[in-house]
């Protein structure tokens, strides 16, 4: 991979990670309701999911989903169902955030991030189509793939950490019951909307 290709990839990744999506929405919601530490735990799960999705894409699962309508539909329905369920659960939260003694353990937020990050089967297809644009076939593939994957995770991690810490610092001013209720209902509605939109996702031809 040439240096110019890498900088082009870096610019594309930067544009991707600043675009709001389910994982960013999850971090913001958790930062307000549970604080930055739990939001960072969910971000860690989302980043682990991204690494797994990229690895599966490299191993050919993205190509399988592109070719198989049945496999794509099954994963799409599972991902959409989880996002809708998460949306309903978030929407129905009470106006008061949980206190530290009642808050679930960090591992439950990590698992939530893992499921949100893995809930979109189009990510597999996206990475399967995106990475080859920046890889030189004549050079060893593993180091190039590792560089692309780690660059994406680093950029996405910085963005999610900024969301978690930034919103977490503002949380004490946002934790009025009416504000928390409004945030939960807005974010819950958006999660459900994203799940609904995922149902209309189509395989790339």
Protein backbone atom coordinates (compact mmCIF):
# COMPACT_ATOMS: atom_id res chain seq x y z
CA UNK A 1 0.00 0.00 0.00
CA UNK A 2 1.38 3.38 -0.99
CA UNK A 3 1.42 6.33 1.40
CA UNK A 4 -1.02 8.25 -0.78
CA UNK A 5 -3.45 5.29 -0.75
CA UNK A 6 -3.21 5.11 3.03
CA UNK A 7 -3.96 8.83 3.45
CA UNK A 8 -6.95 8.44 1.12
CA UNK A 9 -8.14 5.52 3.25
CA UNK A 10 -7.60 7.56 6.42
CA UNK A 11 -9.73 10.38 5.02
CA UNK A 12 -12.50 7.94 4.08
CA UNK A 13 -12.42 6.37 7.54
CA UNK A 14 -12.53 9.78 9.23
CA UNK A 15 -15.66 10.61 7.26
CA UNK A 16 -17.24 7.29 8.18
CA UNK A 17 -16.61 7.49 11.92
CA UNK A 18 -17.96 11.03 12.35
CA UNK A 19 -21.24 9.98 10.71
CA UNK A 20 -23.75 9.21 13.51
CA UNK A 21 -24.82 5.58 13.72
CA UNK A 22 -26.08 2.99 16.23
CA UNK A 23 -22.80 2.70 18.15
CA UNK A 24 -22.44 6.46 18.59
CA UNK A 25 -26.07 6.69 19.66
CA UNK A 26 -25.48 3.88 22.15
CA UNK A 27 -22.45 5.66 23.64
CA UNK A 28 -24.34 8.93 24.06
CA UNK A 29 -27.30 7.19 25.71
CA UNK A 30 -25.10 5.20 28.10
CA UNK A 31 -22.98 8.25 28.96
CA UNK A 32 -26.08 10.18 30.03
CA UNK A 33 -27.75 7.32 31.88
CA UNK A 34 -24.74 5.53 33.37
CA UNK A 35 -21.71 7.78 33.05
CA UNK A 36 -18.59 7.73 30.86
CA UNK A 37 -17.08 4.51 32.27
CA UNK A 38 -20.05 2.36 31.24
CA UNK A 39 -20.26 4.20 27.91
CA UNK A 40 -16.59 3.39 27.29
CA UNK A 41 -17.28 -0.27 28.10
CA UNK A 42 -20.03 -0.36 25.46
CA UNK A 43 -17.68 1.39 23.02
CA UNK A 44 -15.11 -1.34 23.67
CA UNK A 45 -17.68 -3.97 22.77
CA UNK A 46 -18.56 -2.12 19.56
CA UNK A 47 -14.88 -1.92 18.58
CA UNK A 48 -14.42 -5.64 19.25
CA UNK A 49 -17.42 -6.28 17.01
CA UNK A 50 -15.89 -4.12 14.28
CA UNK A 51 -12.68 -6.15 14.41
CA UNK A 52 -14.69 -9.36 14.20
CA UNK A 53 -16.74 -8.06 11.28
CA UNK A 54 -13.59 -7.02 9.42
CA UNK A 55 -12.00 -10.42 10.05
CA UNK A 56 -15.11 -12.22 8.81
CA UNK A 57 -15.14 -10.01 5.73
CA UNK A 58 -11.51 -10.91 5.05
CA UNK A 59 -12.35 -14.59 5.44
CA UNK A 60 -15.09 -14.35 2.83
CA UNK A 61 -18.33 -14.13 4.80
CA UNK A 62 -19.04 -10.76 3.22
CA UNK A 63 -18.89 -12.39 -0.20
CA UNK A 64 -21.21 -15.15 1.03
CA UNK A 65 -23.79 -12.61 2.20
CA UNK A 66 -23.53 -10.82 -1.13
CA UNK A 67 -24.27 -14.08 -2.93
CA UNK A 68 -26.87 -15.63 -0.61
CA UNK A 69 -30.22 -13.91 -0.17
CA UNK A 70 -31.20 -16.38 2.55
CA UNK A 71 -28.08 -15.82 4.69
CA UNK A 72 -28.30 -12.05 4.30
CA UNK A 73 -32.01 -11.97 5.18
CA UNK A 74 -31.51 -14.13 8.28
CA UNK A 75 -28.76 -11.91 9.65
CA UNK A 76 -30.66 -8.78 8.68
CA UNK A 77 -33.77 -9.88 10.58
CA UNK A 78 -31.73 -10.78 13.66
CA UNK A 79 -29.93 -7.43 13.64
CA UNK A 80 -33.12 -5.46 13.06
CA UNK A 81 -34.92 -7.32 15.86
CA UNK A 82 -32.13 -6.53 18.32
CA UNK A 83 -32.06 -2.83 17.42
CA UNK A 84 -35.84 -2.55 17.72
CA UNK A 85 -35.78 -4.37 21.07
CA UNK A 86 -33.01 -2.06 22.30
CA UNK A 87 -35.02 0.93 21.11
CA UNK A 88 -38.14 -0.16 22.99
CA UNK A 89 -36.11 -0.88 26.12
CA UNK A 90 -34.42 2.53 25.96
CA UNK A 91 -37.68 4.34 25.21
CA UNK A 92 -39.36 2.80 28.26
CA UNK A 93 -36.59 3.73 30.71
CA UNK A 94 -37.65 5.89 33.62
CA UNK A 95 -36.61 9.52 33.79
CA UNK A 96 -34.07 8.91 36.53
CA UNK A 97 -30.72 7.33 35.58
CA UNK A 98 -29.58 4.34 37.60
CA UNK A 99 -27.35 5.04 40.57
CA UNK A 100 -23.95 3.39 40.70
CA UNK A 101 -25.07 0.68 43.16
CA UNK A 102 -27.88 -0.41 40.86
CA UNK A 103 -26.05 -0.10 37.55
CA UNK A 104 -25.29 -3.31 35.67
CA UNK A 105 -21.68 -4.47 35.53
CA UNK A 106 -19.39 -3.10 32.83
CA UNK A 107 -19.36 -6.49 31.08
CA UNK A 108 -23.08 -6.15 30.32
CA UNK A 109 -22.38 -2.86 28.56
CA UNK A 110 -19.48 -4.47 26.68
CA UNK A 111 -21.88 -7.18 25.52
CA UNK A 112 -24.42 -4.55 24.49
CA UNK A 113 -21.77 -2.80 22.41
CA UNK A 114 -20.74 -6.12 20.89
CA UNK A 115 -24.32 -6.86 19.82
CA UNK A 116 -24.97 -3.35 18.49
CA UNK A 117 -21.71 -3.36 16.55
CA UNK A 118 -22.47 -6.77 15.01
CA UNK A 119 -26.15 -6.13 14.31
CA UNK A 120 -25.80 -4.85 10.75
CA UNK A 121 -24.96 -7.51 8.13
CA UNK A 122 -24.27 -4.77 5.58
CA UNK A 123 -21.10 -3.98 7.55
CA UNK A 124 -19.69 -7.35 6.46
CA UNK A 125 -20.44 -6.59 2.84
CA UNK A 126 -19.17 -3.02 3.21
CA UNK A 127 -15.77 -4.05 4.54
CA UNK A 128 -15.50 -6.86 2.00
CA UNK A 129 -15.97 -4.27 -0.75
CA UNK A 130 -14.15 -1.38 0.94
CA UNK A 131 -10.83 -2.92 1.93
CA UNK A 132 -9.81 -4.25 -1.52
CA UNK A 133 -9.86 -0.70 -2.87
CA UNK A 134 -6.78 0.09 -0.76
CA UNK A 135 -4.89 -3.23 -0.86
CA UNK A 136 -2.12 -4.02 -3.33
CA UNK A 137 -2.61 -7.65 -4.46
CA UNK A 138 1.09 -8.11 -5.26
CA UNK A 139 2.14 -7.26 -1.68
CA UNK A 140 1.60 -9.47 1.41
CA UNK A 141 -2.08 -9.20 2.33
CA UNK A 142 -2.02 -9.84 6.09
CA UNK A 143 0.06 -6.76 7.05
CA UNK A 144 -2.07 -4.53 4.82
CA UNK A 145 -5.29 -5.90 6.26
CA UNK A 146 -3.95 -5.45 9.81
CA UNK A 147 -3.02 -1.83 9.09
CA UNK A 148 -6.43 -1.03 7.59
CA UNK A 149 -8.33 -2.74 10.41
CA UNK A 150 -6.30 -1.17 13.22
CA UNK A 151 -6.55 2.26 11.62
CA UNK A 152 -10.34 1.97 11.45
CA UNK A 153 -10.61 0.75 15.05
CA UNK A 154 -8.28 3.50 16.30
CA UNK A 155 -10.24 6.26 14.54
CA UNK A 156 -13.61 4.85 15.57
CA UNK A 157 -12.35 4.35 19.12
CA UNK A 158 -11.23 7.96 19.40
CA UNK A 159 -14.62 9.18 18.18
CA UNK A 160 -16.59 6.92 20.53
CA UNK A 161 -14.33 7.84 23.46
CA UNK A 162 -14.84 11.53 22.71
CA UNK A 163 -18.62 10.99 22.71
CA UNK A 164 -18.56 8.95 25.92
CA UNK A 165 -16.29 11.30 27.86
CA UNK A 166 -17.69 14.53 26.44
CA UNK A 167 -21.32 13.63 27.04
CA UNK A 168 -20.38 12.01 30.36
CA UNK A 169 -18.94 15.30 31.60
CA UNK A 170 -22.14 17.06 30.64
CA UNK A 171 -24.31 14.35 32.21
CA UNK A 172 -24.61 16.00 35.65
CA UNK A 173 -26.30 18.96 33.94
CA UNK A 174 -28.45 16.67 31.78
CA UNK A 175 -29.73 14.37 34.50
CA UNK A 176 -32.93 16.18 35.27
CA UNK A 177 -35.73 13.63 35.07
CA UNK A 178 -37.49 15.37 32.19
CA UNK A 179 -34.28 15.71 30.16
CA UNK A 180 -33.24 12.08 30.72
CA UNK A 181 -36.74 10.94 29.78
CA UNK A 182 -36.64 13.00 26.59
CA UNK A 183 -33.17 11.69 25.68
CA UNK A 184 -34.21 8.09 26.31
CA UNK A 185 -37.34 8.46 24.22
CA UNK A 186 -35.47 10.16 21.40
CA UNK A 187 -32.64 7.63 21.38
CA UNK A 188 -35.06 4.72 21.80
CA UNK A 189 -37.06 5.95 18.83
CA UNK A 190 -33.90 6.30 16.75
CA UNK A 191 -32.74 2.78 17.65
CA UNK A 192 -36.11 1.40 16.58
CA UNK A 193 -35.98 3.50 13.39
CA UNK A 194 -32.52 2.17 12.55
CA UNK A 195 -33.78 -1.37 13.11
CA UNK A 196 -36.74 -0.68 10.83
CA UNK A 197 -34.51 0.80 8.14
CA UNK A 198 -32.27 -2.25 8.35
CA UNK A 199 -35.24 -4.35 7.21
CA UNK A 200 -35.16 -2.48 3.90
CA UNK A 201 -31.42 -3.05 3.39
CA UNK A 202 -30.60 -4.94 0.22
CA UNK A 203 -27.60 -6.93 -0.83
CA UNK A 204 -25.16 -5.22 -3.15
CA UNK A 205 -25.50 -6.57 -6.65
